[in-house]
Amino acid sequence: MVGNAGKGRPLRDPEAADRLGIKPGTLMNARSSGKGIFASLPYLKIGRTVRYFEADVDNFLARHRVKRAG
């Protein structure tokens, strides 16, 4: 895909949700409402097709990782 170098392959809702450990409906609700932690996850929309890039999902998980001291 043009312009997606280093982003990995595009993931459908069920694949992205599985990787995040949530239900696909949670992603759909976050997109439509713009609320919640998953609303900040970037996605690509062309017509009715929605895709999340692997790198974006991985970066999202890395940003929300909690490291405990000790």
PDB file of N, CA and C in Angstrom:
ATOM      1  N   MET A   1       0.833  -1.186   0.000  1.00  0.00           N
ATOM      2  CA  MET A   1       0.000   0.000   0.000  1.00  0.00           C
ATOM      3  C   MET A   1       0.878   1.249   0.000  1.00  0.00           C
ATOM      4  N   VAL A   2       0.490   2.218  -0.719  1.00  0.00           N
ATOM      5  CA  VAL A   2       1.242   3.453  -0.826  1.00  0.00           C
ATOM      6  C   VAL A   2       1.081   4.263   0.454  1.00  0.00           C
ATOM      7  N   GLY A   3       2.179   4.795   0.972  1.00  0.00           N
ATOM      8  CA  GLY A   3       2.126   5.643   2.144  1.00  0.00           C
ATOM      9  C   GLY A   3       2.008   4.906   3.462  1.00  0.00           C
ATOM     10  N   ASN A   4       2.103   3.584   3.432  1.00  0.00           N
ATOM     11  CA  ASN A   4       1.951   2.821   4.666  1.00  0.00           C
ATOM     12  C   ASN A   4       3.229   2.093   5.051  1.00  0.00           C
ATOM     13  N   ALA A   5       4.345   2.533   4.511  1.00  0.00           N
ATOM     14  CA  ALA A   5       5.614   1.867   4.793  1.00  0.00           C
ATOM     15  C   ALA A   5       5.865   1.841   6.289  1.00  0.00           C
ATOM     16  N   GLY A   6       6.161   0.673   6.807  1.00  0.00           N
ATOM     17  CA  GLY A   6       6.464   0.526   8.216  1.00  0.00           C
ATOM     18  C   GLY A   6       5.254   0.429   9.124  1.00  0.00           C
ATOM     19  N   LYS A   7       4.066   0.483   8.572  1.00  0.00           N
ATOM     20  CA  LYS A   7       2.842   0.417   9.373  1.00  0.00           C
ATOM     21  C   LYS A   7       2.353  -1.018   9.570  1.00  0.00           C
ATOM     22  N   GLY A   8       2.924  -1.953   8.832  1.00  0.00           N
ATOM     23  CA  GLY A   8       2.438  -3.325   8.919  1.00  0.00           C
ATOM     24  C   GLY A   8       1.178  -3.505   8.101  1.00  0.00           C
ATOM     25  N   ARG A   9       0.588  -4.654   8.256  1.00  0.00           N
ATOM     26  CA  ARG A   9      -0.605  -4.929   7.456  1.00  0.00           C
ATOM     27  C   ARG A   9      -1.846  -4.316   8.095  1.00  0.00           C
ATOM     28  N   PRO A  10      -2.846  -4.001   7.281  1.00  0.00           N
ATOM     29  CA  PRO A  10      -4.087  -3.459   7.830  1.00  0.00           C
ATOM     30  C   PRO A  10      -4.895  -4.573   8.504  1.00  0.00           C
ATOM     31  N   LEU A  11      -5.484  -4.248   9.653  1.00  0.00           N
ATOM     32  CA  LEU A  11      -6.278  -5.207  10.419  1.00  0.00           C
ATOM     33  C   LEU A  11      -7.752  -4.807  10.392  1.00  0.00           C
ATOM     34  N   ARG A  12      -8.628  -5.788  10.273  1.00  0.00           N
ATOM     35  CA  ARG A  12     -10.060  -5.539  10.375  1.00  0.00           C
ATOM     36  C   ARG A  12     -10.410  -5.409  11.854  1.00  0.00           C
ATOM     37  N   ASP A  13     -11.621  -4.934  12.141  1.00  0.00           N
ATOM     38  CA  ASP A  13     -12.061  -4.751  13.528  1.00  0.00           C
ATOM     39  C   ASP A  13     -11.829  -5.988  14.404  1.00  0.00           C
ATOM     40  N   PRO A  14     -12.248  -7.178  13.969  1.00  0.00           N
ATOM     41  CA  PRO A  14     -12.058  -8.350  14.841  1.00  0.00           C
ATOM     42  C   PRO A  14     -10.588  -8.652  15.140  1.00  0.00           C
ATOM     43  N   GLU A  15      -9.719  -8.452  14.148  1.00  0.00           N
ATOM     44  CA  GLU A  15      -8.288  -8.706  14.350  1.00  0.00           C
ATOM     45  C   GLU A  15      -7.677  -7.681  15.303  1.00  0.00           C
ATOM     46  N   ALA A  16      -8.007  -6.408  15.108  1.00  0.00           N
ATOM     47  CA  ALA A  16      -7.479  -5.356  15.978  1.00  0.00           C
ATOM     48  C   ALA A  16      -8.014  -5.532  17.401  1.00  0.00           C
ATOM     49  N   ALA A  17      -9.290  -5.840  17.523  1.00  0.00           N
ATOM     50  CA  ALA A  17      -9.896  -6.030  18.840  1.00  0.00           C
ATOM     51  C   ALA A  17      -9.251  -7.207  19.569  1.00  0.00           C
ATOM     52  N   ASP A  18      -9.001  -8.284  18.845  1.00  0.00           N
ATOM     53  CA  ASP A  18      -8.365  -9.457  19.446  1.00  0.00           C
ATOM     54  C   ASP A  18      -6.978  -9.103  19.969  1.00  0.00           C
ATOM     55  N   ARG A  19      -6.259  -8.337  19.186  1.00  0.00           N
ATOM     56  CA  ARG A  19      -4.911  -7.920  19.580  1.00  0.00           C
ATOM     57  C   ARG A  19      -4.933  -7.020  20.819  1.00  0.00           C
ATOM     58  N   LEU A  20      -6.026  -6.252  20.952  1.00  0.00           N
ATOM     59  CA  LEU A  20      -6.176  -5.342  22.086  1.00  0.00           C
ATOM     60  C   LEU A  20      -6.833  -6.013  23.296  1.00  0.00           C
ATOM     61  N   GLY A  21      -7.402  -7.189  23.077  1.00  0.00           N
ATOM     62  CA  GLY A  21      -8.064  -7.904  24.163  1.00  0.00           C
ATOM     63  C   GLY A  21      -9.452  -7.370  24.486  1.00  0.00           C
ATOM     64  N   ILE A  22     -10.130  -6.835  23.467  1.00  0.00           N
ATOM     65  CA  ILE A  22     -11.473  -6.284  23.647  1.00  0.00           C
ATOM     66  C   ILE A  22     -12.401  -6.850  22.583  1.00  0.00           C
ATOM     67  N   LYS A  23     -13.663  -6.492  22.646  1.00  0.00           N
ATOM     68  CA  LYS A  23     -14.637  -6.921  21.647  1.00  0.00           C
ATOM     69  C   LYS A  23     -14.656  -5.922  20.480  1.00  0.00           C
ATOM     70  N   PRO A  24     -14.930  -6.402  19.266  1.00  0.00           N
ATOM     71  CA  PRO A  24     -14.988  -5.488  18.113  1.00  0.00           C
ATOM     72  C   PRO A  24     -15.974  -4.337  18.320  1.00  0.00           C
ATOM     73  N   GLY A  25     -17.062  -4.593  19.007  1.00  0.00           N
ATOM     74  CA  GLY A  25     -18.051  -3.544  19.254  1.00  0.00           C
ATOM     75  C   GLY A  25     -17.491  -2.378  20.050  1.00  0.00           C
ATOM     76  N   THR A  26     -16.513  -2.664  20.900  1.00  0.00           N
ATOM     77  CA  THR A  26     -15.882  -1.594  21.681  1.00  0.00           C
ATOM     78  C   THR A  26     -15.157  -0.627  20.757  1.00  0.00           C
ATOM     79  N   LEU A  27     -14.478  -1.164  19.741  1.00  0.00           N
ATOM     80  CA  LEU A  27     -13.806  -0.285  18.766  1.00  0.00           C
ATOM     81  C   LEU A  27     -14.822   0.530  17.976  1.00  0.00           C
ATOM     82  N   MET A  28     -15.903  -0.117  17.556  1.00  0.00           N
ATOM     83  CA  MET A  28     -16.947   0.583  16.792  1.00  0.00           C
ATOM     84  C   MET A  28     -17.558   1.706  17.624  1.00  0.00           C
ATOM     85  N   ASN A  29     -17.839   1.419  18.894  1.00  0.00           N
ATOM     86  CA  ASN A  29     -18.416   2.446  19.766  1.00  0.00           C
ATOM     87  C   ASN A  29     -17.447   3.605  19.972  1.00  0.00           C
ATOM     88  N   ALA A  30     -16.163   3.310  20.152  1.00  0.00           N
ATOM     89  CA  ALA A  30     -15.161   4.364  20.344  1.00  0.00           C
ATOM     90  C   ALA A  30     -15.063   5.247  19.103  1.00  0.00           C
ATOM     91  N   ARG A  31     -15.108   4.631  17.928  1.00  0.00           N
ATOM     92  CA  ARG A  31     -15.048   5.421  16.678  1.00  0.00           C
ATOM     93  C   ARG A  31     -16.252   6.327  16.542  1.00  0.00           C
ATOM     94  N   SER A  32     -17.430   5.798  16.794  1.00  0.00           N
ATOM     95  CA  SER A  32     -18.638   6.593  16.563  1.00  0.00           C
ATOM     96  C   SER A  32     -18.856   7.662  17.624  1.00  0.00           C
ATOM     97  N   SER A  33     -18.497   7.366  18.878  1.00  0.00           N
ATOM     98  CA  SER A  33     -18.737   8.338  19.947  1.00  0.00           C
ATOM     99  C   SER A  33     -17.562   9.288  20.152  1.00  0.00           C
ATOM    100  N   GLY A  34     -16.353   8.831  19.775  1.00  0.00           N
ATOM    101  CA  GLY A  34     -15.167   9.641  20.008  1.00  0.00           C
ATOM    102  C   GLY A  34     -14.781   9.691  21.478  1.00  0.00           C
ATOM    103  N   LYS A  35     -15.331   8.760  22.267  1.00  0.00           N
ATOM    104  CA  LYS A  35     -15.070   8.739  23.707  1.00  0.00           C
ATOM    105  C   LYS A  35     -14.404   7.440  24.114  1.00  0.00           C
ATOM    106  N   GLY A  36     -13.720   7.498  25.231  1.00  0.00           N
ATOM    107  CA  GLY A  36     -13.069   6.307  25.758  1.00  0.00           C
ATOM    108  C   GLY A  36     -11.620   6.225  25.323  1.00  0.00           C
ATOM    109  N   ILE A  37     -10.917   5.331  25.951  1.00  0.00           N
ATOM    110  CA  ILE A  37      -9.477   5.192  25.710  1.00  0.00           C
ATOM    111  C   ILE A  37      -9.168   4.790  24.261  1.00  0.00           C
ATOM    112  N   PHE A  38     -10.043   4.006  23.643  1.00  0.00           N
ATOM    113  CA  PHE A  38      -9.775   3.514  22.293  1.00  0.00           C
ATOM    114  C   PHE A  38     -10.122   4.527  21.201  1.00  0.00           C
ATOM    115  N   ALA A  39     -10.717   5.646  21.572  1.00  0.00           N
ATOM    116  CA  ALA A  39     -11.037   6.687  20.592  1.00  0.00           C
ATOM    117  C   ALA A  39      -9.773   7.332  20.028  1.00  0.00           C
ATOM    118  N   SER A  40      -8.657   7.221  20.757  1.00  0.00           N
ATOM    119  CA  SER A  40      -7.401   7.824  20.286  1.00  0.00           C
ATOM    120  C   SER A  40      -6.632   6.918  19.327  1.00  0.00           C
ATOM    121  N   LEU A  41      -7.140   5.714  19.103  1.00  0.00           N
ATOM    122  CA  LEU A  41      -6.470   4.770  18.206  1.00  0.00           C
ATOM    123  C   LEU A  41      -6.716   5.175  16.751  1.00  0.00           C
ATOM    124  N   PRO A  42      -5.647   5.469  15.991  1.00  0.00           N
ATOM    125  CA  PRO A  42      -5.829   5.880  14.593  1.00  0.00           C
ATOM    126  C   PRO A  42      -6.367   4.733  13.734  1.00  0.00           C
ATOM    127  N   TYR A  43      -7.169   5.098  12.749  1.00  0.00           N
ATOM    128  CA  TYR A  43      -7.701   4.100  11.808  1.00  0.00           C
ATOM    129  C   TYR A  43      -7.846   4.721  10.432  1.00  0.00           C
ATOM    130  N   LEU A  44      -7.977   3.853   9.453  1.00  0.00           N
ATOM    131  CA  LEU A  44      -8.151   4.264   8.061  1.00  0.00           C
ATOM    132  C   LEU A  44      -9.575   3.933   7.655  1.00  0.00           C
ATOM    133  N   LYS A  45     -10.267   4.883   7.058  1.00  0.00           N
ATOM    134  CA  LYS A  45     -11.628   4.628   6.601  1.00  0.00           C
ATOM    135  C   LYS A  45     -11.755   5.057   5.150  1.00  0.00           C
ATOM    136  N   ILE A  46     -12.132   4.111   4.316  1.00  0.00           N
ATOM    137  CA  ILE A  46     -12.399   4.384   2.903  1.00  0.00           C
ATOM    138  C   ILE A  46     -13.787   3.844   2.626  1.00  0.00           C
ATOM    139  N   GLY A  47     -14.718   4.744   2.404  1.00  0.00           N
ATOM    140  CA  GLY A  47     -16.106   4.325   2.264  1.00  0.00           C
ATOM    141  C   GLY A  47     -16.577   3.764   3.596  1.00  0.00           C
ATOM    142  N   ARG A  48     -17.059   2.526   3.577  1.00  0.00           N
ATOM    143  CA  ARG A  48     -17.513   1.876   4.812  1.00  0.00           C
ATOM    144  C   ARG A  48     -16.467   0.934   5.383  1.00  0.00           C
ATOM    145  N   THR A  49     -15.333   0.850   4.713  1.00  0.00           N
ATOM    146  CA  THR A  49     -14.262  -0.049   5.146  1.00  0.00           C
ATOM    147  C   THR A  49     -13.369   0.637   6.169  1.00  0.00           C
ATOM    148  N   VAL A  50     -13.169  -0.025   7.302  1.00  0.00           N
ATOM    149  CA  VAL A  50     -12.317   0.504   8.372  1.00  0.00           C
ATOM    150  C   VAL A  50     -11.184  -0.475   8.609  1.00  0.00           C
ATOM    151  N   ARG A  51      -9.971   0.060   8.712  1.00  0.00           N
ATOM    152  CA  ARG A  51      -8.805  -0.777   9.000  1.00  0.00           C
ATOM    153  C   ARG A  51      -7.913  -0.073  10.016  1.00  0.00           C
ATOM    154  N   TYR A  52      -7.285  -0.877  10.852  1.00  0.00           N
ATOM    155  CA  TYR A  52      -6.294  -0.404  11.817  1.00  0.00           C
ATOM    156  C   TYR A  52      -4.963  -1.002  11.393  1.00  0.00           C
ATOM    157  N   PHE A  53      -3.896  -0.214  11.397  1.00  0.00           N
ATOM    158  CA  PHE A  53      -2.591  -0.749  11.038  1.00  0.00           C
ATOM    159  C   PHE A  53      -1.930  -1.382  12.255  1.00  0.00           C
ATOM    160  N   GLU A  54      -1.239  -2.483  12.012  1.00  0.00           N
ATOM    161  CA  GLU A  54      -0.553  -3.212  13.085  1.00  0.00           C
ATOM    162  C   GLU A  54       0.322  -2.301  13.933  1.00  0.00           C
ATOM    163  N   ALA A  55       1.097  -1.466  13.297  1.00  0.00           N
ATOM    164  CA  ALA A  55       2.018  -0.580  14.015  1.00  0.00           C
ATOM    165  C   ALA A  55       1.255   0.391  14.914  1.00  0.00           C
ATOM    166  N   ASP A  56       0.104   0.886  14.453  1.00  0.00           N
ATOM    167  CA  ASP A  56      -0.693   1.798  15.266  1.00  0.00           C
ATOM    168  C   ASP A  56      -1.242   1.092  16.502  1.00  0.00           C
ATOM    169  N   VAL A  57      -1.694  -0.145  16.325  1.00  0.00           N
ATOM    170  CA  VAL A  57      -2.205  -0.922  17.457  1.00  0.00           C
ATOM    171  C   VAL A  57      -1.073  -1.200  18.443  1.00  0.00           C
ATOM    172  N   ASP A  58       0.085  -1.599  17.923  1.00  0.00           N
ATOM    173  CA  ASP A  58       1.238  -1.870  18.788  1.00  0.00           C
ATOM    174  C   ASP A  58       1.693  -0.609  19.531  1.00  0.00           C
ATOM    175  N   ASN A  59       1.720   0.533  18.837  1.00  0.00           N
ATOM    176  CA  ASN A  59       2.101   1.801  19.476  1.00  0.00           C
ATOM    177  C   ASN A  59       1.095   2.205  20.553  1.00  0.00           C
ATOM    178  N   PHE A  60      -0.180   1.977  20.283  1.00  0.00           N
ATOM    179  CA  PHE A  60      -1.225   2.265  21.264  1.00  0.00           C
ATOM    180  C   PHE A  60      -0.996   1.436  22.531  1.00  0.00           C
ATOM    181  N   LEU A  61      -0.733   0.151  22.350  1.00  0.00           N
ATOM    182  CA  LEU A  61      -0.480  -0.724  23.500  1.00  0.00           C
ATOM    183  C   LEU A  61       0.768  -0.279  24.265  1.00  0.00           C
ATOM    184  N   ALA A  62       1.808   0.111  23.541  1.00  0.00           N
ATOM    185  CA  ALA A  62       3.049   0.553  24.185  1.00  0.00           C
ATOM    186  C   ALA A  62       2.827   1.840  24.983  1.00  0.00           C
ATOM    187  N   ARG A  63       2.032   2.770  24.439  1.00  0.00           N
ATOM    188  CA  ARG A  63       1.751   4.031  25.137  1.00  0.00           C
ATOM    189  C   ARG A  63       0.976   3.813  26.432  1.00  0.00           C
ATOM    190  N   HIS A  64       0.174   2.762  26.485  1.00  0.00           N
ATOM    191  CA  HIS A  64      -0.681   2.521  27.647  1.00  0.00           C
ATOM    192  C   HIS A  64      -0.117   1.445  28.579  1.00  0.00           C
ATOM    193  N   ARG A  65       1.094   1.040  28.315  1.00  0.00           N
ATOM    194  CA  ARG A  65       1.744   0.051  29.179  1.00  0.00           C
ATOM    195  C   ARG A  65       2.151   0.707  30.495  1.00  0.00           C
ATOM    196  N   VAL A  66       1.880   0.020  31.568  1.00  0.00           N
ATOM    197  CA  VAL A  66       2.220   0.533  32.902  1.00  0.00           C
ATOM    198  C   VAL A  66       3.438  -0.226  33.409  1.00  0.00           C
ATOM    199  N   LYS A  67       4.450   0.532  33.782  1.00  0.00           N
ATOM    200  CA  LYS A  67       5.665  -0.060  34.336  1.00  0.00           C
ATOM    201  C   LYS A  67       5.701   0.272  35.817  1.00  0.00           C
ATOM    202  N   ARG A  68       5.726  -0.730  36.610  1.00  0.00           N
ATOM    203  CA  ARG A  68       5.801  -0.554  38.063  1.00  0.00           C
ATOM    204  C   ARG A  68       7.251  -0.528  38.516  1.00  0.00           C
ATOM    205  N   ALA A  69       7.548   0.382  39.410  1.00  0.00           N
ATOM    206  CA  ALA A  69       8.899   0.448  39.981  1.00  0.00           C
ATOM    207  C   ALA A  69       9.060  -0.687  40.990  1.00  0.00           C
ATOM    208  N   GLY A  70      10.230  -1.249  41.012  1.00  0.00           N
ATOM    209  CA  GLY A  70      10.426  -2.187  42.072  1.00  0.00           C
ATOM    210  C   GLY A  70      11.094  -3.417  41.779  1.00  0.00           C
TER     211      GLY A  70
END
